[in-house]
Amino acid sequence: MRIRPCPRCGAIAEHLAYHNRYTLKSGQMATVIRCKQRMGTFCDRYGAAFYDLKTPEEKVDCACASE
């Protein structure tokens, strides 16, 4: 897995560490990264179109395709 820079402070990989992992409703795994510089965490999906979306991606794809 390639670690992106911290989206909030821009810290590079040497200041980031694996924190946790969890399973989404769709069955995909999401990784939580800890920023040692900012002392906070962010998800690897942060900034993506589906970040913090409660509706399954399949339903969104279906709704977008029908328009």
N, C-alpha and C. Protein backbone atom coordinates (compact mmCIF):
# COMPACT_ATOMS: atom_id res chain seq x y z
N MET A 1 0.84 -1.18 0.00
CA MET A 1 0.00 0.00 0.00
C MET A 1 0.88 1.25 0.00
N ARG A 2 0.55 2.18 -0.85
CA ARG A 2 1.28 3.44 -0.93
C ARG A 2 0.62 4.46 -0.01
N ILE A 3 1.39 5.05 0.88
CA ILE A 3 0.85 6.04 1.83
C ILE A 3 0.95 7.43 1.22
N ARG A 4 -0.20 8.10 1.15
CA ARG A 4 -0.23 9.49 0.66
C ARG A 4 0.20 10.44 1.77
N PRO A 5 0.63 11.65 1.43
CA PRO A 5 0.93 12.64 2.48
C PRO A 5 -0.32 12.97 3.29
N CYS A 6 -0.14 13.46 4.49
CA CYS A 6 -1.26 13.85 5.34
C CYS A 6 -2.06 14.94 4.63
N PRO A 7 -3.37 14.74 4.46
CA PRO A 7 -4.17 15.74 3.74
C PRO A 7 -4.37 17.04 4.52
N ARG A 8 -4.13 17.03 5.81
CA ARG A 8 -4.36 18.23 6.61
C ARG A 8 -3.11 19.08 6.81
N CYS A 9 -1.95 18.42 6.99
CA CYS A 9 -0.73 19.21 7.23
C CYS A 9 0.35 18.98 6.17
N GLY A 10 0.16 17.98 5.30
CA GLY A 10 1.11 17.72 4.23
C GLY A 10 2.33 16.91 4.64
N ALA A 11 2.32 16.33 5.84
CA ALA A 11 3.47 15.54 6.30
C ALA A 11 3.74 14.39 5.34
N ILE A 12 5.02 14.12 5.11
CA ILE A 12 5.41 13.05 4.19
C ILE A 12 5.46 11.70 4.92
N ALA A 13 5.69 10.64 4.16
CA ALA A 13 5.60 9.27 4.66
C ALA A 13 6.40 8.99 5.93
N GLU A 14 7.55 9.62 6.10
CA GLU A 14 8.36 9.33 7.29
C GLU A 14 7.69 9.79 8.59
N HIS A 15 6.69 10.68 8.49
CA HIS A 15 5.95 11.15 9.66
C HIS A 15 4.60 10.46 9.82
N LEU A 16 4.34 9.46 8.99
CA LEU A 16 3.07 8.75 9.03
C LEU A 16 3.28 7.30 9.43
N ALA A 17 2.29 6.71 10.08
CA ALA A 17 2.38 5.32 10.51
C ALA A 17 1.01 4.66 10.42
N TYR A 18 1.02 3.36 10.20
CA TYR A 18 -0.22 2.58 10.21
C TYR A 18 -0.84 2.69 11.60
N HIS A 19 -2.16 2.89 11.65
CA HIS A 19 -2.85 3.01 12.94
C HIS A 19 -3.86 1.89 13.15
N ASN A 20 -4.72 1.67 12.15
CA ASN A 20 -5.80 0.71 12.31
C ASN A 20 -6.36 0.34 10.94
N ARG A 21 -7.24 -0.64 10.92
CA ARG A 21 -7.90 -1.03 9.69
C ARG A 21 -9.32 -1.47 10.05
N TYR A 22 -10.28 -1.19 9.17
CA TYR A 22 -11.66 -1.61 9.43
C TYR A 22 -12.32 -2.01 8.12
N THR A 23 -13.41 -2.76 8.23
CA THR A 23 -14.12 -3.26 7.07
C THR A 23 -15.34 -2.38 6.79
N LEU A 24 -15.50 -1.98 5.53
CA LEU A 24 -16.66 -1.20 5.11
C LEU A 24 -17.84 -2.14 4.88
N LYS A 25 -19.04 -1.61 4.76
CA LYS A 25 -20.22 -2.43 4.49
C LYS A 25 -20.07 -3.22 3.20
N SER A 26 -19.34 -2.67 2.25
CA SER A 26 -19.15 -3.33 0.96
C SER A 26 -18.16 -4.50 1.05
N GLY A 27 -17.49 -4.64 2.20
CA GLY A 27 -16.52 -5.71 2.37
C GLY A 27 -15.09 -5.27 2.12
N GLN A 28 -14.89 -4.07 1.60
CA GLN A 28 -13.55 -3.55 1.36
C GLN A 28 -12.90 -3.15 2.69
N MET A 29 -11.58 -3.19 2.71
CA MET A 29 -10.84 -2.78 3.90
C MET A 29 -10.40 -1.32 3.73
N ALA A 30 -10.56 -0.54 4.78
CA ALA A 30 -10.09 0.85 4.80
C ALA A 30 -9.01 0.96 5.87
N THR A 31 -7.96 1.67 5.57
CA THR A 31 -6.82 1.80 6.48
C THR A 31 -6.82 3.19 7.12
N VAL A 32 -6.55 3.22 8.41
CA VAL A 32 -6.43 4.48 9.14
C VAL A 32 -4.95 4.74 9.37
N ILE A 33 -4.48 5.92 9.00
CA ILE A 33 -3.09 6.32 9.12
C ILE A 33 -2.96 7.37 10.22
N ARG A 34 -1.90 7.29 11.03
CA ARG A 34 -1.64 8.29 12.07
C ARG A 34 -0.53 9.22 11.60
N CYS A 35 -0.80 10.52 11.71
CA CYS A 35 0.20 11.54 11.40
C CYS A 35 0.91 11.90 12.71
N LYS A 36 2.20 11.59 12.79
CA LYS A 36 2.98 11.87 14.01
C LYS A 36 3.24 13.36 14.18
N GLN A 37 3.24 14.09 13.09
CA GLN A 37 3.50 15.52 13.13
C GLN A 37 2.30 16.28 13.70
N ARG A 38 1.11 15.91 13.27
CA ARG A 38 -0.12 16.58 13.69
C ARG A 38 -0.79 15.87 14.86
N MET A 39 -0.35 14.62 15.14
CA MET A 39 -0.90 13.78 16.20
C MET A 39 -2.40 13.51 15.98
N GLY A 40 -2.77 13.25 14.75
CA GLY A 40 -4.14 12.92 14.42
C GLY A 40 -4.18 11.78 13.42
N THR A 41 -5.37 11.30 13.11
CA THR A 41 -5.51 10.20 12.17
C THR A 41 -6.34 10.63 10.97
N PHE A 42 -6.19 9.89 9.88
CA PHE A 42 -7.03 10.07 8.70
C PHE A 42 -7.15 8.74 7.99
N CYS A 43 -8.22 8.58 7.26
CA CYS A 43 -8.49 7.37 6.52
C CYS A 43 -7.84 7.45 5.14
N ASP A 44 -7.45 6.30 4.59
CA ASP A 44 -6.86 6.31 3.26
C ASP A 44 -7.85 6.75 2.19
N ARG A 45 -9.14 6.77 2.51
CA ARG A 45 -10.18 7.22 1.58
C ARG A 45 -10.47 8.72 1.71
N TYR A 46 -9.81 9.40 2.64
CA TYR A 46 -10.05 10.83 2.88
C TYR A 46 -9.85 11.63 1.59
N GLY A 47 -10.82 12.46 1.25
CA GLY A 47 -10.74 13.27 0.05
C GLY A 47 -11.32 12.61 -1.19
N ALA A 48 -11.67 11.33 -1.09
CA ALA A 48 -12.27 10.62 -2.22
C ALA A 48 -13.75 10.96 -2.34
N ALA A 49 -14.32 10.71 -3.49
CA ALA A 49 -15.73 11.04 -3.72
C ALA A 49 -16.66 10.28 -2.77
N PHE A 50 -16.29 9.07 -2.38
CA PHE A 50 -17.16 8.26 -1.53
C PHE A 50 -16.80 8.35 -0.04
N TYR A 51 -15.90 9.26 0.34
CA TYR A 51 -15.51 9.39 1.74
C TYR A 51 -16.71 9.81 2.58
N ASP A 52 -16.93 9.13 3.69
CA ASP A 52 -18.00 9.42 4.66
C ASP A 52 -19.39 9.24 4.07
N LEU A 53 -19.51 8.49 3.00
CA LEU A 53 -20.80 8.24 2.37
C LEU A 53 -21.42 7.01 3.02
N LYS A 54 -22.65 7.12 3.46
CA LYS A 54 -23.33 6.00 4.13
C LYS A 54 -24.00 5.06 3.14
N THR A 55 -24.30 5.55 1.94
CA THR A 55 -24.94 4.73 0.91
C THR A 55 -23.88 3.86 0.23
N PRO A 56 -24.18 2.56 0.02
CA PRO A 56 -23.21 1.70 -0.66
C PRO A 56 -22.85 2.24 -2.06
N GLU A 57 -21.61 2.08 -2.45
CA GLU A 57 -21.12 2.59 -3.74
C GLU A 57 -21.92 2.03 -4.91
N GLU A 58 -22.38 0.78 -4.80
CA GLU A 58 -23.14 0.16 -5.88
C GLU A 58 -24.45 0.93 -6.15
N LYS A 59 -25.13 1.37 -5.09
CA LYS A 59 -26.37 2.13 -5.26
C LYS A 59 -26.11 3.48 -5.90
N VAL A 60 -25.02 4.12 -5.53
CA VAL A 60 -24.67 5.41 -6.12
C VAL A 60 -24.35 5.23 -7.60
N ASP A 61 -23.57 4.20 -7.93
CA ASP A 61 -23.25 3.91 -9.34
C ASP A 61 -24.52 3.68 -10.15
N CYS A 62 -25.45 2.93 -9.59
CA CYS A 62 -26.72 2.64 -10.28
C CYS A 62 -27.53 3.91 -10.50
N ALA A 63 -27.58 4.77 -9.49
CA ALA A 63 -28.34 6.01 -9.59
C ALA A 63 -27.70 6.96 -10.63
N CYS A 64 -26.37 6.99 -10.66
CA CYS A 64 -25.69 7.86 -11.61
C CYS A 64 -25.84 7.35 -13.04
N ALA A 65 -25.88 6.05 -13.21
CA ALA A 65 -25.99 5.46 -14.54
C ALA A 65 -27.39 5.66 -15.13
N SER A 66 -28.41 5.77 -14.27
CA SER A 66 -29.78 5.90 -14.75
C SER A 66 -30.12 7.32 -15.19
N GLU A 67 -29.26 8.30 -14.88
CA GLU A 67 -29.53 9.68 -15.25
C GLU A 67 -29.16 9.96 -16.67
